[in-house]
Amino acid sequence: IVSALKTHYNNPFDEAKGVKVDVVGPTVGKQLQ
């Protein structure tokens, strides 16, 4: 997604400062449920 936005979308953002990411795997998600 980050690469696609940089390549095909002409609206700059700073990946280091302007991108916040939450990644949760399926096993962890089920445990939290």
PDB file of all heavy atoms in Angstrom:
ATOM      1  N   ILE A   1       0.830  -1.207   0.000  1.00  0.00           N
ATOM      2  CA  ILE A   1       0.000   0.000   0.000  1.00  0.00           C
ATOM      3  C   ILE A   1       0.861   1.252   0.000  1.00  0.00           C
ATOM      4  O   ILE A   1       0.624   2.198  -0.768  1.00  0.00           O
ATOM      5  CB  ILE A   1      -0.940  -0.007   1.216  1.00  0.00           C
ATOM      6  CG1 ILE A   1      -2.039  -1.055   1.030  1.00  0.00           C
ATOM      7  CG2 ILE A   1      -1.569   1.363   1.429  1.00  0.00           C
ATOM      8  CD1 ILE A   1      -2.952  -1.208   2.211  1.00  0.00           C
ATOM      9  N   VAL A   2       1.874   1.299   0.841  1.00  0.00           N
ATOM     10  CA  VAL A   2       2.745   2.470   0.909  1.00  0.00           C
ATOM     11  C   VAL A   2       3.439   2.701  -0.431  1.00  0.00           C
ATOM     12  O   VAL A   2       3.511   3.832  -0.940  1.00  0.00           O
ATOM     13  CB  VAL A   2       3.778   2.305   2.050  1.00  0.00           C
ATOM     14  CG1 VAL A   2       4.837   3.409   1.977  1.00  0.00           C
ATOM     15  CG2 VAL A   2       3.090   2.325   3.401  1.00  0.00           C
ATOM     16  N   SER A   3       3.941   1.632  -1.031  1.00  0.00           N
ATOM     17  CA  SER A   3       4.618   1.755  -2.332  1.00  0.00           C
ATOM     18  C   SER A   3       3.657   2.221  -3.416  1.00  0.00           C
ATOM     19  O   SER A   3       4.002   3.060  -4.263  1.00  0.00           O
ATOM     20  CB  SER A   3       5.237   0.415  -2.725  1.00  0.00           C
ATOM     21  OG  SER A   3       6.204   0.003  -1.780  1.00  0.00           O
ATOM     22  N   ALA A   4       2.417   1.680  -3.396  1.00  0.00           N
ATOM     23  CA  ALA A   4       1.427   2.052  -4.409  1.00  0.00           C
ATOM     24  C   ALA A   4       1.060   3.521  -4.308  1.00  0.00           C
ATOM     25  O   ALA A   4       0.923   4.221  -5.327  1.00  0.00           O
ATOM     26  CB  ALA A   4       0.193   1.184  -4.269  1.00  0.00           C
ATOM     27  N   LEU A   5       0.898   4.016  -3.099  1.00  0.00           N
ATOM     28  CA  LEU A   5       0.542   5.427  -2.917  1.00  0.00           C
ATOM     29  C   LEU A   5       1.676   6.339  -3.363  1.00  0.00           C
ATOM     30  O   LEU A   5       1.440   7.402  -3.954  1.00  0.00           O
ATOM     31  CB  LEU A   5       0.191   5.690  -1.447  1.00  0.00           C
ATOM     32  CG  LEU A   5      -1.100   5.052  -0.944  1.00  0.00           C
ATOM     33  CD1 LEU A   5      -1.295   5.317   0.544  1.00  0.00           C
ATOM     34  CD2 LEU A   5      -2.309   5.579  -1.716  1.00  0.00           C
ATOM     35  N   LYS A   6       2.897   5.949  -3.103  1.00  0.00           N
ATOM     36  CA  LYS A   6       4.038   6.763  -3.526  1.00  0.00           C
ATOM     37  C   LYS A   6       4.186   6.782  -5.045  1.00  0.00           C
ATOM     38  O   LYS A   6       4.603   7.780  -5.628  1.00  0.00           O
ATOM     39  CB  LYS A   6       5.320   6.234  -2.884  1.00  0.00           C
ATOM     40  CG  LYS A   6       5.450   6.525  -1.403  1.00  0.00           C
ATOM     41  CD  LYS A   6       6.779   6.035  -0.868  1.00  0.00           C
ATOM     42  CE  LYS A   6       6.958   6.423   0.597  1.00  0.00           C
ATOM     43  NZ  LYS A   6       8.263   5.961   1.140  1.00  0.00           N
ATOM     44  N   THR A   7       3.822   5.654  -5.680  1.00  0.00           N
ATOM     45  CA  THR A   7       4.021   5.529  -7.128  1.00  0.00           C
ATOM     46  C   THR A   7       2.867   6.112  -7.934  1.00  0.00           C
ATOM     47  O   THR A   7       3.079   6.829  -8.921  1.00  0.00           O
ATOM     48  CB  THR A   7       4.201   4.045  -7.509  1.00  0.00           C
ATOM     49  OG1 THR A   7       5.287   3.500  -6.765  1.00  0.00           O
ATOM     50  CG2 THR A   7       4.462   3.899  -8.995  1.00  0.00           C
ATOM     51  N   HIS A   8       1.623   5.846  -7.499  1.00  0.00           N
ATOM     52  CA  HIS A   8       0.454   6.160  -8.330  1.00  0.00           C
ATOM     53  C   HIS A   8      -0.389   7.328  -7.806  1.00  0.00           C
ATOM     54  O   HIS A   8      -1.352   7.728  -8.477  1.00  0.00           O
ATOM     55  CB  HIS A   8      -0.458   4.926  -8.446  1.00  0.00           C
ATOM     56  CG  HIS A   8       0.225   3.749  -9.056  1.00  0.00           C
ATOM     57  ND1 HIS A   8       0.481   3.627 -10.400  1.00  0.00           N
ATOM     58  CD2 HIS A   8       0.734   2.615  -8.481  1.00  0.00           C
ATOM     59  CE1 HIS A   8       1.096   2.473 -10.646  1.00  0.00           C
ATOM     60  NE2 HIS A   8       1.263   1.845  -9.498  1.00  0.00           N
ATOM     61  N   TYR A   9      -0.071   7.865  -6.649  1.00  0.00           N
ATOM     62  CA  TYR A   9      -0.922   8.916  -6.081  1.00  0.00           C
ATOM     63  C   TYR A   9      -0.062  10.125  -5.778  1.00  0.00           C
ATOM     64  O   TYR A   9       0.854  10.067  -4.965  1.00  0.00           O
ATOM     65  CB  TYR A   9      -1.606   8.395  -4.815  1.00  0.00           C
ATOM     66  CG  TYR A   9      -2.566   9.400  -4.192  1.00  0.00           C
ATOM     67  CD1 TYR A   9      -3.578   9.998  -4.935  1.00  0.00           C
ATOM     68  CD2 TYR A   9      -2.449   9.748  -2.848  1.00  0.00           C
ATOM     69  CE1 TYR A   9      -4.447  10.904  -4.365  1.00  0.00           C
ATOM     70  CE2 TYR A   9      -3.325  10.652  -2.263  1.00  0.00           C
ATOM     71  CZ  TYR A   9      -4.318  11.227  -3.029  1.00  0.00           C
ATOM     72  OH  TYR A   9      -5.172  12.126  -2.460  1.00  0.00           O
ATOM     73  N   ASN A  10      -0.369  11.220  -6.441  1.00  0.00           N
ATOM     74  CA  ASN A  10       0.448  12.429  -6.343  1.00  0.00           C
ATOM     75  C   ASN A  10       0.005  13.293  -5.159  1.00  0.00           C
ATOM     76  O   ASN A  10      -0.599  14.356  -5.318  1.00  0.00           O
ATOM     77  CB  ASN A  10       0.355  13.223  -7.650  1.00  0.00           C
ATOM     78  CG  ASN A  10       1.328  14.394  -7.663  1.00  0.00           C
ATOM     79  OD1 ASN A  10       2.347  14.384  -6.954  1.00  0.00           O
ATOM     80  ND2 ASN A  10       1.018  15.407  -8.465  1.00  0.00           N
ATOM     81  N   ASN A  11       0.254  12.789  -3.950  1.00  0.00           N
ATOM     82  CA  ASN A  11      -0.049  13.543  -2.723  1.00  0.00           C
ATOM     83  C   ASN A  11       0.958  13.067  -1.677  1.00  0.00           C
ATOM     84  O   ASN A  11       0.780  12.013  -1.078  1.00  0.00           O
ATOM     85  CB  ASN A  11      -1.478  13.285  -2.264  1.00  0.00           C
ATOM     86  CG  ASN A  11      -1.921  14.260  -1.167  1.00  0.00           C
ATOM     87  OD1 ASN A  11      -1.106  14.977  -0.584  1.00  0.00           O
ATOM     88  ND2 ASN A  11      -3.214  14.281  -0.891  1.00  0.00           N
ATOM     89  N   PRO A  12       2.016  13.820  -1.477  1.00  0.00           N
ATOM     90  CA  PRO A  12       3.138  13.311  -0.662  1.00  0.00           C
ATOM     91  C   PRO A  12       2.782  13.115   0.811  1.00  0.00           C
ATOM     92  O   PRO A  12       1.885  13.759   1.354  1.00  0.00           O
ATOM     93  CB  PRO A  12       4.204  14.398  -0.826  1.00  0.00           C
ATOM     94  CG  PRO A  12       3.422  15.636  -1.135  1.00  0.00           C
ATOM     95  CD  PRO A  12       2.235  15.192  -1.944  1.00  0.00           C
ATOM     96  N   PHE A  13       3.495  12.184   1.436  1.00  0.00           N
ATOM     97  CA  PHE A  13       3.409  11.970   2.878  1.00  0.00           C
ATOM     98  C   PHE A  13       4.766  11.447   3.339  1.00  0.00           C
ATOM     99  O   PHE A  13       5.524  10.844   2.576  1.00  0.00           O
ATOM    100  CB  PHE A  13       2.296  10.986   3.246  1.00  0.00           C
ATOM    101  CG  PHE A  13       2.453   9.624   2.639  1.00  0.00           C
ATOM    102  CD1 PHE A  13       3.156   8.620   3.304  1.00  0.00           C
ATOM    103  CD2 PHE A  13       1.909   9.332   1.395  1.00  0.00           C
ATOM    104  CE1 PHE A  13       3.295   7.365   2.748  1.00  0.00           C
ATOM    105  CE2 PHE A  13       2.053   8.072   0.840  1.00  0.00           C
ATOM    106  CZ  PHE A  13       2.747   7.084   1.515  1.00  0.00           C
ATOM    107  N   ASP A  14       5.055  11.698   4.593  1.00  0.00           N
ATOM    108  CA  ASP A  14       6.311  11.254   5.191  1.00  0.00           C
ATOM    109  C   ASP A  14       6.065   9.895   5.841  1.00  0.00           C
ATOM    110  O   ASP A  14       5.345   9.811   6.836  1.00  0.00           O
ATOM    111  CB  ASP A  14       6.793  12.277   6.220  1.00  0.00           C
ATOM    112  CG  ASP A  14       8.193  11.950   6.754  1.00  0.00           C
ATOM    113  OD1 ASP A  14       8.607  10.781   6.649  1.00  0.00           O
ATOM    114  OD2 ASP A  14       8.853  12.863   7.276  1.00  0.00           O
ATOM    115  N   GLU A  15       6.653   8.840   5.290  1.00  0.00           N
ATOM    116  CA  GLU A  15       6.399   7.497   5.823  1.00  0.00           C
ATOM    117  C   GLU A  15       6.840   7.372   7.275  1.00  0.00           C
ATOM    118  O   GLU A  15       6.220   6.659   8.060  1.00  0.00           O
ATOM    119  CB  GLU A  15       7.120   6.447   4.978  1.00  0.00           C
ATOM    120  CG  GLU A  15       6.800   5.021   5.393  1.00  0.00           C
ATOM    121  CD  GLU A  15       7.438   3.998   4.480  1.00  0.00           C
ATOM    122  OE1 GLU A  15       8.016   4.396   3.439  1.00  0.00           O
ATOM    123  OE2 GLU A  15       7.348   2.801   4.799  1.00  0.00           O
ATOM    124  N   ALA A  16       7.896   8.082   7.637  1.00  0.00           N
ATOM    125  CA  ALA A  16       8.401   7.984   9.013  1.00  0.00           C
ATOM    126  C   ALA A  16       7.506   8.717   9.999  1.00  0.00           C
ATOM    127  O   ALA A  16       7.319   8.278  11.131  1.00  0.00           O
ATOM    128  CB  ALA A  16       9.824   8.540   9.087  1.00  0.00           C
ATOM    129  N   LYS A  17       6.914   9.838   9.565  1.00  0.00           N
ATOM    130  CA  LYS A  17       6.119  10.662  10.482  1.00  0.00           C
ATOM    131  C   LYS A  17       4.624  10.600  10.200  1.00  0.00           C
ATOM    132  O   LYS A  17       3.817  10.815  11.101  1.00  0.00           O
ATOM    133  CB  LYS A  17       6.587  12.123  10.399  1.00  0.00           C
ATOM    134  CG  LYS A  17       8.031  12.330  10.823  1.00  0.00           C
ATOM    135  CD  LYS A  17       8.406  13.799  10.727  1.00  0.00           C
ATOM    136  CE  LYS A  17       9.866  14.030  11.158  1.00  0.00           C
ATOM    137  NZ  LYS A  17      10.255  15.452  11.049  1.00  0.00           N
ATOM    138  N   GLY A  18       4.258  10.306   8.946  1.00  0.00           N
ATOM    139  CA  GLY A  18       2.849  10.402   8.571  1.00  0.00           C
ATOM    140  C   GLY A  18       2.121   9.092   8.427  1.00  0.00           C
ATOM    141  O   GLY A  18       0.995   9.060   7.951  1.00  0.00           O
ATOM    142  N   VAL A  19       2.750   7.977   8.823  1.00  0.00           N
ATOM    143  CA  VAL A  19       2.108   6.674   8.699  1.00  0.00           C
ATOM    144  C   VAL A  19       2.153   5.956  10.043  1.00  0.00           C
ATOM    145  O   VAL A  19       3.229   5.707  10.586  1.00  0.00           O
ATOM    146  CB  VAL A  19       2.796   5.795   7.624  1.00  0.00           C
ATOM    147  CG1 VAL A  19       2.103   4.439   7.541  1.00  0.00           C
ATOM    148  CG2 VAL A  19       2.790   6.488   6.280  1.00  0.00           C
ATOM    149  N   LYS A  20       0.961   5.645  10.560  1.00  0.00           N
ATOM    150  CA  LYS A  20       0.854   4.841  11.783  1.00  0.00           C
ATOM    151  C   LYS A  20       0.240   3.499  11.404  1.00  0.00           C
ATOM    152  O   LYS A  20      -0.757   3.457  10.676  1.00  0.00           O
ATOM    153  CB  LYS A  20      -0.025   5.542  12.823  1.00  0.00           C
ATOM    154  CG  LYS A  20       0.522   6.895  13.273  1.00  0.00           C
ATOM    155  CD  LYS A  20      -0.420   7.561  14.270  1.00  0.00           C
ATOM    156  CE  LYS A  20       0.113   8.930  14.683  1.00  0.00           C
ATOM    157  NZ  LYS A  20      -0.811   9.623  15.618  1.00  0.00           N
ATOM    158  N   VAL A  21       0.812   2.425  11.900  1.00  0.00           N
ATOM    159  CA  VAL A  21       0.408   1.085  11.467  1.00  0.00           C
ATOM    160  C   VAL A  21       0.054   0.228  12.680  1.00  0.00           C
ATOM    161  O   VAL A  21       0.784   0.210  13.671  1.00  0.00           O
ATOM    162  CB  VAL A  21       1.537   0.399  10.666  1.00  0.00           C
ATOM    163  CG1 VAL A  21       1.074  -0.968  10.170  1.00  0.00           C
ATOM    164  CG2 VAL A  21       1.978   1.275   9.503  1.00  0.00           C
ATOM    165  N   ASP A  22      -1.094  -0.468  12.567  1.00  0.00           N
ATOM    166  CA  ASP A  22      -1.473  -1.504  13.524  1.00  0.00           C
ATOM    167  C   ASP A  22      -1.534  -2.824  12.772  1.00  0.00           C
ATOM    168  O   ASP A  22      -2.283  -2.955  11.793  1.00  0.00           O
ATOM    169  CB  ASP A  22      -2.846  -1.222  14.156  1.00  0.00           C
ATOM    170  CG  ASP A  22      -2.770  -0.180  15.247  1.00  0.00           C
ATOM    171  OD1 ASP A  22      -1.725  -0.094  15.901  1.00  0.00           O
ATOM    172  OD2 ASP A  22      -3.765   0.533  15.443  1.00  0.00           O
ATOM    173  N   VAL A  23      -0.751  -3.789  13.211  1.00  0.00           N
ATOM    174  CA  VAL A  23      -0.742  -5.114  12.591  1.00  0.00           C
ATOM    175  C   VAL A  23      -1.055  -6.144  13.661  1.00  0.00           C
ATOM    176  O   VAL A  23      -0.337  -6.254  14.647  1.00  0.00           O
ATOM    177  CB  VAL A  23       0.622  -5.427  11.943  1.00  0.00           C
ATOM    178  CG1 VAL A  23       0.602  -6.824  11.329  1.00  0.00           C
ATOM    179  CG2 VAL A  23       0.960  -4.392  10.877  1.00  0.00           C
ATOM    180  N   VAL A  24      -2.143  -6.893  13.472  1.00  0.00           N
ATOM    181  CA  VAL A  24      -2.547  -7.922  14.427  1.00  0.00           C
ATOM    182  C   VAL A  24      -2.782  -9.210  13.659  1.00  0.00           C
ATOM    183  O   VAL A  24      -3.593  -9.250  12.724  1.00  0.00           O
ATOM    184  CB  VAL A  24      -3.818  -7.526  15.197  1.00  0.00           C
ATOM    185  CG1 VAL A  24      -4.228  -8.645  16.150  1.00  0.00           C
ATOM    186  CG2 VAL A  24      -3.599  -6.229  15.957  1.00  0.00           C
ATOM    187  N   GLY A  25      -2.083 -10.268  14.044  1.00  0.00           N
ATOM    188  CA  GLY A  25      -2.251 -11.559  13.396  1.00  0.00           C
ATOM    189  C   GLY A  25      -3.549 -12.236  13.796  1.00  0.00           C
ATOM    190  O   GLY A  25      -4.151 -11.903  14.817  1.00  0.00           O
ATOM    191  N   PRO A  26      -4.014 -13.197  13.010  1.00  0.00           N
ATOM    192  CA  PRO A  26      -5.287 -13.873  13.299  1.00  0.00           C
ATOM    193  C   PRO A  26      -5.290 -14.616  14.627  1.00  0.00           C
ATOM    194  O   PRO A  26      -6.303 -14.656  15.316  1.00  0.00           O
ATOM    195  CB  PRO A  26      -5.459 -14.834  12.115  1.00  0.00           C
ATOM    196  CG  PRO A  26      -4.084 -14.986  11.529  1.00  0.00           C
ATOM    197  CD  PRO A  26      -3.384 -13.696  11.768  1.00  0.00           C
ATOM    198  N   THR A  27      -4.164 -15.206  15.005  1.00  0.00           N
ATOM    199  CA  THR A  27      -4.102 -15.943  16.275  1.00  0.00           C
ATOM    200  C   THR A  27      -4.242 -15.004  17.458  1.00  0.00           C
ATOM    201  O   THR A  27      -5.008 -15.257  18.402  1.00  0.00           O
ATOM    202  CB  THR A  27      -2.773 -16.712  16.382  1.00  0.00           C
ATOM    203  OG1 THR A  27      -2.658 -17.597  15.267  1.00  0.00           O
ATOM    204  CG2 THR A  27      -2.727 -17.517  17.671  1.00  0.00           C
ATOM    205  N   VAL A  28      -3.521 -13.891  17.407  1.00  0.00           N
ATOM    206  CA  VAL A  28      -3.600 -12.907  18.490  1.00  0.00           C
ATOM    207  C   VAL A  28      -5.002 -12.313  18.568  1.00  0.00           C
ATOM    208  O   VAL A  28      -5.564 -12.120  19.653  1.00  0.00           O
ATOM    209  CB  VAL A  28      -2.553 -11.799  18.282  1.00  0.00           C
ATOM    210  CG1 VAL A  28      -2.719 -10.698  19.328  1.00  0.00           C
ATOM    211  CG2 VAL A  28      -1.153 -12.374  18.344  1.00  0.00           C
ATOM    212  N   GLY A  29      -5.596 -12.023  17.406  1.00  0.00           N
ATOM    213  CA  GLY A  29      -6.945 -11.462  17.394  1.00  0.00           C
ATOM    214  C   GLY A  29      -7.954 -12.385  18.044  1.00  0.00           C
ATOM    215  O   GLY A  29      -8.827 -11.949  18.806  1.00  0.00           O
ATOM    216  N   LYS A  30      -7.845 -13.697  17.768  1.00  0.00           N
ATOM    217  CA  LYS A  30      -8.766 -14.668  18.364  1.00  0.00           C
ATOM    218  C   LYS A  30      -8.560 -14.758  19.869  1.00  0.00           C
ATOM    219  O   LYS A  30      -9.530 -14.853  20.642  1.00  0.00           O
ATOM    220  CB  LYS A  30      -8.537 -16.042  17.733  1.00  0.00           C
ATOM    221  CG  LYS A  30      -9.599 -17.080  18.112  1.00  0.00           C
ATOM    222  CD  LYS A  30     -10.965 -16.682  17.593  1.00  0.00           C
ATOM    223  CE  LYS A  30     -11.995 -17.745  17.888  1.00  0.00           C
ATOM    224  NZ  LYS A  30     -13.350 -17.358  17.426  1.00  0.00           N
ATOM    225  N   GLN A  31      -7.320 -14.709  20.311  1.00  0.00           N
ATOM    226  CA  GLN A  31      -7.038 -14.738  21.744  1.00  0.00           C
ATOM    227  C   GLN A  31      -7.629 -13.522  22.441  1.00  0.00           C
ATOM    228  O   GLN A  31      -8.196 -13.632  23.540  1.00  0.00           O
ATOM    229  CB  GLN A  31      -5.530 -14.804  21.972  1.00  0.00           C
ATOM    230  CG  GLN A  31      -4.898 -16.127  21.587  1.00  0.00           C
ATOM    231  CD  GLN A  31      -3.389 -16.110  21.730  1.00  0.00           C
ATOM    232  OE1 GLN A  31      -2.780 -15.048  21.914  1.00  0.00           O
ATOM    233  NE2 GLN A  31      -2.768 -17.280  21.651  1.00  0.00           N
ATOM    234  N   LEU A  32      -7.523 -12.367  21.809  1.00  0.00           N
ATOM    235  CA  LEU A  32      -8.078 -11.148  22.398  1.00  0.00           C
ATOM    236  C   LEU A  32      -9.599 -11.220  22.477  1.00  0.00           C
ATOM    237  O   LEU A  32     -10.204 -10.735  23.438  1.00  0.00           O
ATOM    238  CB  LEU A  32      -7.637  -9.920  21.586  1.00  0.00           C
ATOM    239  CG  LEU A  32      -6.163  -9.540  21.691  1.00  0.00           C
ATOM    240  CD1 LEU A  32      -5.830  -8.407  20.726  1.00  0.00           C
ATOM    241  CD2 LEU A  32      -5.814  -9.127  23.124  1.00  0.00           C
ATOM    242  N   GLN A  33     -10.242 -11.823  21.472  1.00  0.00           N
ATOM    243  CA  GLN A  33     -11.696 -12.011  21.526  1.00  0.00           C
ATOM    244  C   GLN A  33     -12.090 -12.839  22.740  1.00  0.00           C
ATOM    245  O   GLN A  33     -12.996 -12.464  23.499  1.00  0.00           O
ATOM    246  CB  GLN A  33     -12.181 -12.720  20.259  1.00  0.00           C
ATOM    247  CG  GLN A  33     -12.231 -11.883  19.015  1.00  0.00           C
ATOM    248  CD  GLN A  33     -12.864 -12.653  17.866  1.00  0.00           C
ATOM    249  OE1 GLN A  33     -13.927 -13.244  18.009  1.00  0.00           O
ATOM    250  NE2 GLN A  33     -12.203 -12.662  16.720  1.00  0.00           N
TER     251      GLN A  33
END
